[in-house]
Amino acid sequence: MKDRIQVAMIIQSYWPRIGGAERQLASLAPLLKARGVDIQVITRRYTGMAAYEIVDEVPVHRLPAPRPKALASAVFTAAALRLLKRQRPDLLHAHELLSPTTAGIAAKRLFGIPLVVKVLRGGELGDIAKLKRRPTGRMRLALMHKLVDRFLVISREIEAELAEVGIPPERCLHLPNGVDSAHFTPVGPEAKQTTRTKLGLPEAPTAVYTGRLTPEKHLERLIGLWPAVRGAQPGAHLLIVGSGEQEAHLREIAGSGVGFTGAVEDVRPYLQAADLFVLPSSTEGLSNALLEAMAAGLAVVATAVGGAPDVITHGENGWLVPPDEEPALEEAIITLLENPVLREQLGEQARQRVMSQYSLPEVAERLRALYGEVLASVPARAQG
């Protein structure tokens, strides 16, 4: 086994386009480097971005992907193959079953480079559901079954979906996302008040959402029920942290007691200023925002989708509600805003759960071990 492993990470987008997958990869990069894994990122080039740059010591190759979608995938894959032919990394790690895995499979067939694939999301908007809706989906799933060395799954939901399309559990590794529990930490009442003052937030019971402002997050529903929350808990404040395609619309429909921050570089102070975290999504993978809130010691209310039921034991370290049931979501928020003792208990247990099972160093260690296992199990490929 080589002392250092060269891994090409293939992902739809990367810094400065920020989403959960991008943040997770960026957080893991220095930890992998310390464990003998040197990564480079292969991603799409969007308007105004450089074709190549080094971001936090990670080489980032941004390849053309012109519209329409079918052309974008073909051009991106061709460009990725030219790059990989020159670079010849030891291993490929594709993030998502769509275009990144298409490029990874082509490189595996042409160059014999081992391929690991991370499935980013389950449910109706998940990777497998998207493939099933496409004319070439069945063929692509068959190629994955044949050529992908290991599948990384971040939730039991995704593992079950893979099993339904014929990928056996022994081909999968359940490896949840990790969170930096040294960065996302709880604060006491005095520090919370100081942070609220610095951020210009009202002195009132405060619930926070952090993440992308997209339709599947169902923030319209959260905003829509907020008058009822304020009826039960006068002055209650909802803070929505982040940006996305729905931001203008959500700002337009928001009433009293709802505030927006837009995009922020670090969500930590907003979590530390809040009393409760709410995630009302209809579909998720394993939400990094949820893990960050739990690490910060917040009580959380989340819909029971994606990886949330893997992380949260209802009533012990968080509060789960069925998706698409607004009355249950409203009741959960009011119950926890009215009960500071319960919030504190849930928040303490939430942080303990994250620290014991979802730490970034643990994820990096297991990922490094997987790379070594895959490389040891495949024949040495021809050089040249």
Protein backbone atom coordinates (compact mmCIF):
# COMPACT_ATOMS: atom_id res chain seq x y z
CA MET A 1 0.00 0.00 0.00
CA LYS A 2 1.26 3.46 -0.91
CA ASP A 3 2.05 5.87 1.91
CA ARG A 4 -0.25 8.45 0.36
CA ILE A 5 -3.42 7.95 -1.66
CA GLN A 6 -4.39 10.26 -4.51
CA VAL A 7 -8.16 10.67 -4.73
CA ALA A 8 -10.13 12.60 -7.35
CA MET A 9 -13.39 13.92 -5.91
CA ILE A 10 -16.02 14.40 -8.64
CA ILE A 11 -18.85 16.67 -7.54
CA GLN A 12 -21.48 18.82 -9.28
CA SER A 13 -20.28 22.07 -7.71
CA TYR A 14 -17.72 23.32 -5.21
CA TRP A 15 -16.58 26.49 -3.50
CA PRO A 16 -17.80 29.22 -3.74
CA ARG A 17 -21.13 27.48 -4.54
CA ILE A 18 -22.03 26.28 -1.06
CA GLY A 19 -24.34 23.42 -0.19
CA GLY A 20 -24.27 20.57 2.26
CA ALA A 21 -22.19 18.24 0.07
CA GLU A 22 -19.65 20.97 -0.71
CA ARG A 23 -19.30 21.98 2.94
CA GLN A 24 -18.89 18.38 4.01
CA LEU A 25 -16.13 17.75 1.47
CA ALA A 26 -14.32 20.97 2.34
CA SER A 27 -14.45 20.09 6.04
CA LEU A 28 -13.07 16.60 5.44
CA ALA A 29 -10.23 17.66 3.13
CA PRO A 30 -7.65 18.70 5.78
CA LEU A 31 -8.52 15.69 7.97
CA LEU A 32 -8.00 13.33 5.04
CA LYS A 33 -4.71 15.01 4.20
CA ALA A 34 -3.50 14.41 7.75
CA ARG A 35 -4.36 10.73 7.23
CA GLY A 36 -2.38 10.33 4.03
CA VAL A 37 -5.07 11.17 1.47
CA ASP A 38 -4.38 13.94 -1.04
CA ILE A 39 -7.50 15.05 -2.87
CA GLN A 40 -8.25 17.09 -5.94
CA VAL A 41 -11.74 18.27 -6.85
CA ILE A 42 -13.24 17.91 -10.32
CA THR A 43 -16.37 19.99 -10.71
CA ARG A 44 -18.41 22.09 -13.14
CA ARG A 45 -17.39 25.59 -14.12
CA TYR A 46 -20.08 28.20 -13.60
CA THR A 47 -20.12 31.78 -14.81
CA GLY A 48 -17.36 33.93 -13.36
CA MET A 49 -15.34 31.05 -11.92
CA ALA A 50 -11.73 30.21 -12.71
CA ALA A 51 -11.00 27.01 -14.61
CA TYR A 52 -8.41 26.08 -11.97
CA GLU A 53 -7.49 27.32 -8.53
CA ILE A 54 -6.32 26.04 -5.19
CA VAL A 55 -8.93 26.42 -2.45
CA ASP A 56 -7.64 25.85 1.09
CA GLU A 57 -4.75 23.76 -0.30
CA VAL A 58 -7.09 21.64 -2.44
CA PRO A 59 -6.61 21.77 -6.26
CA VAL A 60 -9.97 22.49 -7.88
CA HIS A 61 -10.49 21.77 -11.59
CA ARG A 62 -13.64 23.41 -12.98
CA LEU A 63 -14.65 21.87 -16.28
CA PRO A 64 -17.08 23.19 -18.90
CA ALA A 65 -20.69 21.99 -18.74
CA PRO A 66 -22.73 24.05 -21.24
CA ARG A 67 -26.50 23.80 -21.36
CA PRO A 68 -28.81 21.99 -22.08
CA LYS A 69 -28.50 19.31 -19.40
CA ALA A 70 -27.81 16.42 -21.78
CA LEU A 71 -25.01 18.36 -23.45
CA ALA A 72 -23.66 19.53 -20.09
CA SER A 73 -23.23 15.97 -18.83
CA ALA A 74 -21.56 14.79 -22.04
CA VAL A 75 -19.13 17.72 -22.25
CA PHE A 76 -18.30 17.52 -18.54
CA THR A 77 -17.64 13.77 -18.75
CA ALA A 78 -15.40 14.17 -21.81
CA ALA A 79 -13.39 16.92 -20.12
CA ALA A 80 -13.12 14.88 -16.91
CA LEU A 81 -11.79 11.88 -18.86
CA ARG A 82 -9.08 13.98 -20.50
CA LEU A 83 -8.02 15.29 -17.11
CA LEU A 84 -8.10 11.89 -15.41
CA LYS A 85 -6.09 10.31 -18.22
CA ARG A 86 -3.30 12.77 -17.39
CA GLN A 87 -3.67 12.73 -13.63
CA ARG A 88 -4.26 9.00 -13.07
CA PRO A 89 -5.34 9.21 -9.40
CA ASP A 90 -5.38 6.05 -7.30
CA LEU A 91 -9.12 6.25 -6.68
CA LEU A 92 -12.25 8.11 -7.79
CA HIS A 93 -14.89 9.31 -5.34
CA ALA A 94 -18.08 10.52 -7.03
CA HIS A 95 -20.58 12.56 -5.04
CA GLU A 96 -24.10 11.84 -6.37
CA LEU A 97 -25.41 9.12 -8.69
CA LEU A 98 -25.99 11.46 -11.65
CA SER A 99 -23.34 13.28 -13.69
CA PRO A 100 -20.42 12.72 -11.26
CA THR A 101 -21.01 8.96 -11.25
CA THR A 102 -21.41 8.92 -15.04
CA ALA A 103 -17.94 10.46 -15.34
CA GLY A 104 -16.59 8.07 -12.70
CA ILE A 105 -17.93 4.99 -14.48
CA ALA A 106 -16.47 6.10 -17.80
CA ALA A 107 -13.07 6.59 -16.16
CA LYS A 108 -13.34 3.20 -14.44
CA ARG A 109 -14.03 1.48 -17.77
CA LEU A 110 -11.27 3.29 -19.66
CA PHE A 111 -8.51 3.51 -17.08
CA GLY A 112 -9.36 0.89 -14.47
CA ILE A 113 -9.43 3.40 -11.62
CA PRO A 114 -11.39 2.09 -8.59
CA LEU A 115 -14.64 3.95 -7.98
CA VAL A 116 -16.45 4.84 -4.76
CA VAL A 117 -19.82 6.60 -5.00
CA LYS A 118 -21.60 8.61 -2.32
CA VAL A 119 -25.39 8.78 -2.62
CA LEU A 120 -26.36 12.26 -1.49
CA ARG A 121 -30.10 12.04 -0.98
CA GLY A 122 -33.01 9.63 -0.77
CA GLY A 123 -36.73 10.13 -1.15
CA GLU A 124 -38.75 11.68 -3.95
CA LEU A 125 -35.99 14.12 -4.92
CA GLY A 126 -33.18 11.67 -4.24
CA ASP A 127 -30.51 10.29 -6.54
CA ILE A 128 -32.24 6.97 -7.23
CA ALA A 129 -35.68 8.53 -7.77
CA LYS A 130 -34.18 10.92 -10.32
CA LEU A 131 -32.50 8.07 -12.18
CA LYS A 132 -35.72 6.07 -12.28
CA ARG A 133 -37.47 8.97 -14.01
CA ARG A 134 -34.89 9.18 -16.81
CA PRO A 135 -35.00 7.11 -20.01
CA THR A 136 -31.44 5.88 -19.46
CA GLY A 137 -31.90 5.30 -15.73
CA ARG A 138 -32.17 1.52 -15.82
CA MET A 139 -29.05 1.20 -17.97
CA ARG A 140 -27.10 3.54 -15.70
CA LEU A 141 -28.15 1.61 -12.60
CA ALA A 142 -26.99 -1.60 -14.27
CA LEU A 143 -23.59 -0.06 -15.00
CA MET A 144 -23.31 1.11 -11.38
CA HIS A 145 -24.14 -2.39 -10.18
CA LYS A 146 -21.32 -3.74 -12.34
CA LEU A 147 -18.62 -1.10 -11.97
CA VAL A 148 -18.94 0.79 -8.67
CA ASP A 149 -16.66 -0.74 -6.06
CA ARG A 150 -18.47 0.62 -3.00
CA PHE A 151 -21.50 2.79 -2.31
CA LEU A 152 -21.43 5.22 0.60
CA VAL A 153 -24.84 5.82 2.17
CA ILE A 154 -25.63 8.52 4.70
CA SER A 155 -29.00 7.15 5.83
CA ARG A 156 -30.81 3.85 6.22
CA GLU A 157 -33.43 5.20 3.83
CA ILE A 158 -30.84 5.37 1.04
CA GLU A 159 -29.51 1.90 1.85
CA ALA A 160 -33.05 0.51 1.49
CA GLU A 161 -33.49 2.29 -1.84
CA LEU A 162 -30.26 0.79 -3.15
CA ALA A 163 -31.40 -2.66 -2.06
CA GLU A 164 -34.62 -2.17 -4.03
CA VAL A 165 -32.62 -1.67 -7.24
CA GLY A 166 -30.43 -4.69 -6.59
CA ILE A 167 -27.41 -3.26 -4.73
CA PRO A 168 -26.77 -5.65 -1.81
CA PRO A 169 -25.93 -4.33 1.67
CA GLU A 170 -22.39 -5.77 1.50
CA ARG A 171 -21.63 -3.33 -1.34
CA CYS A 172 -22.66 -0.41 0.88
CA LEU A 173 -20.98 1.36 3.77
CA HIS A 174 -23.18 3.37 6.08
CA LEU A 175 -21.06 6.47 6.63
CA PRO A 176 -23.05 9.48 7.85
CA ASN A 177 -21.93 13.06 7.44
CA GLY A 178 -19.74 14.50 10.15
CA VAL A 179 -19.83 17.79 12.00
CA ASP A 180 -17.12 19.93 13.59
CA SER A 181 -18.22 19.69 17.21
CA ALA A 182 -15.29 21.89 18.27
CA HIS A 183 -16.64 24.74 16.15
CA PHE A 184 -20.34 24.27 16.78
CA THR A 185 -20.58 24.47 20.55
CA PRO A 186 -23.28 25.39 23.08
CA VAL A 187 -23.17 28.67 25.00
CA GLY A 188 -24.67 29.70 28.31
CA PRO A 189 -27.54 32.19 28.82
CA GLU A 190 -25.27 35.21 29.21
CA ALA A 191 -23.28 34.48 26.04
CA LYS A 192 -26.54 33.77 24.18
CA GLN A 193 -27.89 37.18 25.17
CA THR A 194 -24.65 38.88 24.13
CA THR A 195 -24.74 37.14 20.75
CA ARG A 196 -28.37 38.16 20.20
CA THR A 197 -27.51 41.75 20.91
CA LYS A 198 -24.56 41.68 18.47
CA LEU A 199 -26.78 40.19 15.76
CA GLY A 200 -29.57 42.68 16.39
CA LEU A 201 -32.11 40.01 17.31
CA PRO A 202 -35.07 40.68 19.60
CA GLU A 203 -35.17 39.45 23.16
CA ALA A 204 -37.83 36.82 22.51
CA PRO A 205 -38.17 33.05 22.12
CA THR A 206 -36.32 32.39 18.87
CA ALA A 207 -36.48 29.50 16.42
CA VAL A 208 -33.93 29.28 13.62
CA TYR A 209 -33.67 27.55 10.26
CA THR A 210 -30.31 27.39 8.48
CA GLY A 211 -29.75 26.13 4.97
CA ARG A 212 -30.81 26.58 1.37
CA LEU A 213 -34.11 28.32 0.63
CA THR A 214 -35.54 25.78 -1.82
CA PRO A 215 -39.03 24.30 -2.30
CA GLU A 216 -38.35 20.92 -0.67
CA LYS A 217 -37.47 22.65 2.61
CA HIS A 218 -41.14 23.74 2.92
CA LEU A 219 -40.32 27.08 4.48
CA GLU A 220 -43.60 28.48 3.12
CA ARG A 221 -45.40 26.21 5.57
CA LEU A 222 -43.16 27.23 8.44
CA ILE A 223 -43.78 30.91 7.71
CA GLY A 224 -47.50 30.24 7.26
CA LEU A 225 -47.92 28.74 10.72
CA TRP A 226 -45.87 31.41 12.48
CA PRO A 227 -48.89 33.64 13.34
CA ALA A 228 -50.35 30.68 15.26
CA VAL A 229 -47.03 30.19 17.07
CA ARG A 230 -47.01 33.87 18.04
CA GLY A 231 -50.60 33.54 19.18
CA ALA A 232 -49.50 30.88 21.67
CA GLN A 233 -46.09 32.41 22.40
CA PRO A 234 -46.36 36.21 21.99
CA GLY A 235 -43.33 37.80 20.38
CA ALA A 236 -41.85 34.50 19.17
CA HIS A 237 -39.27 35.13 16.45
CA LEU A 238 -38.41 32.98 13.45
CA LEU A 239 -34.98 33.56 11.91
CA ILE A 240 -34.28 32.15 8.45
CA VAL A 241 -30.55 31.95 7.71
CA GLY A 242 -29.42 31.28 4.16
CA SER A 243 -30.21 32.04 0.56
CA GLY A 244 -31.64 30.27 -2.45
CA GLU A 245 -34.17 30.36 -5.25
CA GLN A 246 -37.13 31.03 -2.95
CA GLU A 247 -35.61 33.86 -0.93
CA ALA A 248 -37.46 36.72 -2.63
CA HIS A 249 -40.79 34.89 -2.46
CA LEU A 250 -40.35 33.94 1.20
CA ARG A 251 -39.47 37.50 2.15
CA GLU A 252 -42.60 38.67 0.35
CA ILE A 253 -44.99 36.35 2.22
CA ALA A 254 -43.34 36.67 5.64
CA GLY A 255 -45.32 38.45 8.33
CA SER A 256 -44.48 39.79 11.76
CA GLY A 257 -41.85 37.96 13.73
CA VAL A 258 -40.01 36.47 10.73
CA GLY A 259 -36.51 37.68 9.88
CA PHE A 260 -33.98 36.84 7.16
CA THR A 261 -30.21 37.09 7.07
CA GLY A 262 -29.43 36.12 3.47
CA ALA A 263 -26.27 34.13 2.85
CA VAL A 264 -23.82 34.06 5.76
CA GLU A 265 -20.32 32.64 5.93
CA ASP A 266 -20.71 31.05 9.36
CA VAL A 267 -24.05 30.02 10.86
CA ARG A 268 -22.60 29.31 14.31
CA PRO A 269 -23.53 32.62 16.00
CA TYR A 270 -27.13 32.33 14.75
CA LEU A 271 -27.41 28.83 16.21
CA GLN A 272 -25.90 30.02 19.48
CA ALA A 273 -28.37 32.91 19.63
CA ALA A 274 -31.44 30.70 19.10
CA ASP A 275 -33.59 28.59 21.41
CA LEU A 276 -34.81 26.04 18.86
CA PHE A 277 -33.84 24.70 15.43
CA VAL A 278 -36.53 23.74 12.91
CA LEU A 279 -36.09 21.65 9.75
CA PRO A 280 -39.45 21.15 7.98
CA SER A 281 -38.17 19.41 4.80
CA SER A 282 -40.14 16.92 2.72
CA THR A 283 -36.94 15.14 1.67
CA GLU A 284 -33.32 15.13 2.86
CA GLY A 285 -30.12 13.14 2.73
CA LEU A 286 -28.51 13.67 6.10
CA SER A 287 -28.79 17.37 6.85
CA ASN A 288 -25.51 19.02 7.80
CA ALA A 289 -27.55 21.92 9.17
CA LEU A 290 -29.34 19.52 11.52
CA LEU A 291 -26.05 18.06 12.77
CA GLU A 292 -24.60 21.54 13.31
CA ALA A 293 -27.62 22.62 15.34
CA MET A 294 -27.41 19.48 17.48
CA ALA A 295 -23.67 20.02 18.02
CA ALA A 296 -24.47 23.57 19.16
CA GLY A 297 -26.71 22.09 21.85
CA LEU A 298 -30.01 23.23 20.36
CA ALA A 299 -33.26 21.37 20.75
CA VAL A 300 -34.37 20.44 17.24
CA VAL A 301 -37.69 19.83 15.53
CA ALA A 302 -37.32 17.93 12.25
CA THR A 303 -39.54 16.05 9.86
CA ALA A 304 -38.96 12.29 9.92
CA VAL A 305 -37.35 12.07 6.48
CA GLY A 306 -33.92 11.07 5.17
CA GLY A 307 -31.33 10.59 7.87
CA ALA A 308 -33.20 12.49 10.61
CA PRO A 309 -34.71 9.31 12.15
CA ASP A 310 -31.21 7.79 12.22
CA VAL A 311 -29.92 10.70 14.29
CA ILE A 312 -32.92 11.64 16.40
CA THR A 313 -34.66 9.47 18.94
CA HIS A 314 -37.97 11.25 19.41
CA GLY A 315 -38.33 12.82 22.82
CA GLU A 316 -34.78 11.93 23.87
CA ASN A 317 -32.45 14.06 21.76
CA GLY A 318 -34.90 15.87 19.49
CA TRP A 319 -38.46 16.03 18.22
CA LEU A 320 -39.63 14.26 15.07
CA VAL A 321 -42.84 15.12 13.22
CA PRO A 322 -44.38 13.50 10.15
CA PRO A 323 -43.68 15.31 6.87
CA ASP A 324 -46.51 17.38 5.43
CA GLU A 325 -48.42 17.56 8.71
CA GLU A 326 -48.48 21.23 9.62
CA PRO A 327 -50.52 20.82 12.82
CA ALA A 328 -47.89 18.43 14.22
CA LEU A 329 -45.09 20.84 13.28
CA GLU A 330 -46.93 23.77 14.85
CA GLU A 331 -47.63 21.83 18.04
CA ALA A 332 -44.00 20.73 18.34
CA ILE A 333 -42.66 24.27 17.96
CA ILE A 334 -45.11 25.71 20.49
CA THR A 335 -44.48 22.89 22.97
CA LEU A 336 -40.72 23.38 22.92
CA LEU A 337 -40.78 27.19 22.93
CA GLU A 338 -42.99 27.02 26.02
CA ASN A 339 -40.80 24.50 27.84
CA PRO A 340 -37.21 25.68 28.46
CA VAL A 341 -36.41 22.71 30.72
CA LEU A 342 -37.32 20.21 28.01
CA ARG A 343 -35.40 22.25 25.42
CA GLU A 344 -32.30 22.15 27.57
CA GLN A 345 -32.56 18.38 28.10
CA LEU A 346 -33.05 17.69 24.40
CA GLY A 347 -30.19 20.02 23.47
CA GLU A 348 -27.75 18.35 25.87
CA GLN A 349 -28.60 14.90 24.55
CA ALA A 350 -28.43 16.15 20.95
CA ARG A 351 -24.85 17.30 21.41
CA GLN A 352 -23.88 14.04 23.11
CA ARG A 353 -25.29 12.06 20.19
CA VAL A 354 -23.37 14.09 17.64
CA MET A 355 -20.09 13.92 19.55
CA SER A 356 -20.32 10.15 19.98
CA GLN A 357 -21.32 9.17 16.42
CA TYR A 358 -21.04 12.07 13.99
CA SER A 359 -17.66 13.69 14.56
CA LEU A 360 -15.64 14.73 11.52
CA PRO A 361 -12.44 12.94 12.65
CA GLU A 362 -14.36 9.66 12.96
CA VAL A 363 -15.82 10.09 9.45
CA ALA A 364 -12.37 10.89 8.02
CA GLU A 365 -10.86 7.84 9.72
CA ARG A 366 -13.52 5.52 8.35
CA LEU A 367 -13.28 7.03 4.88
CA ARG A 368 -9.49 6.56 4.84
CA ALA A 369 -9.97 2.94 5.90
CA LEU A 370 -12.50 2.40 3.11
CA TYR A 371 -10.11 3.78 0.50
CA GLY A 372 -7.42 1.40 1.68
CA GLU A 373 -9.84 -1.52 1.63
CA VAL A 374 -11.01 -0.77 -1.92
CA LEU A 375 -7.48 -0.34 -3.23
CA ALA A 376 -6.38 -3.59 -1.59
CA SER A 377 -9.27 -5.51 -3.13
CA VAL A 378 -8.83 -4.53 -6.80
CA PRO A 379 -6.07 -5.77 -9.12
CA ALA A 380 -3.26 -3.36 -9.83
CA ARG A 381 -4.08 -1.60 -13.07
CA ALA A 382 -1.73 -1.14 -15.94
CA GLN A 383 0.31 2.03 -15.84
CA GLY A 384 0.80 4.40 -18.75
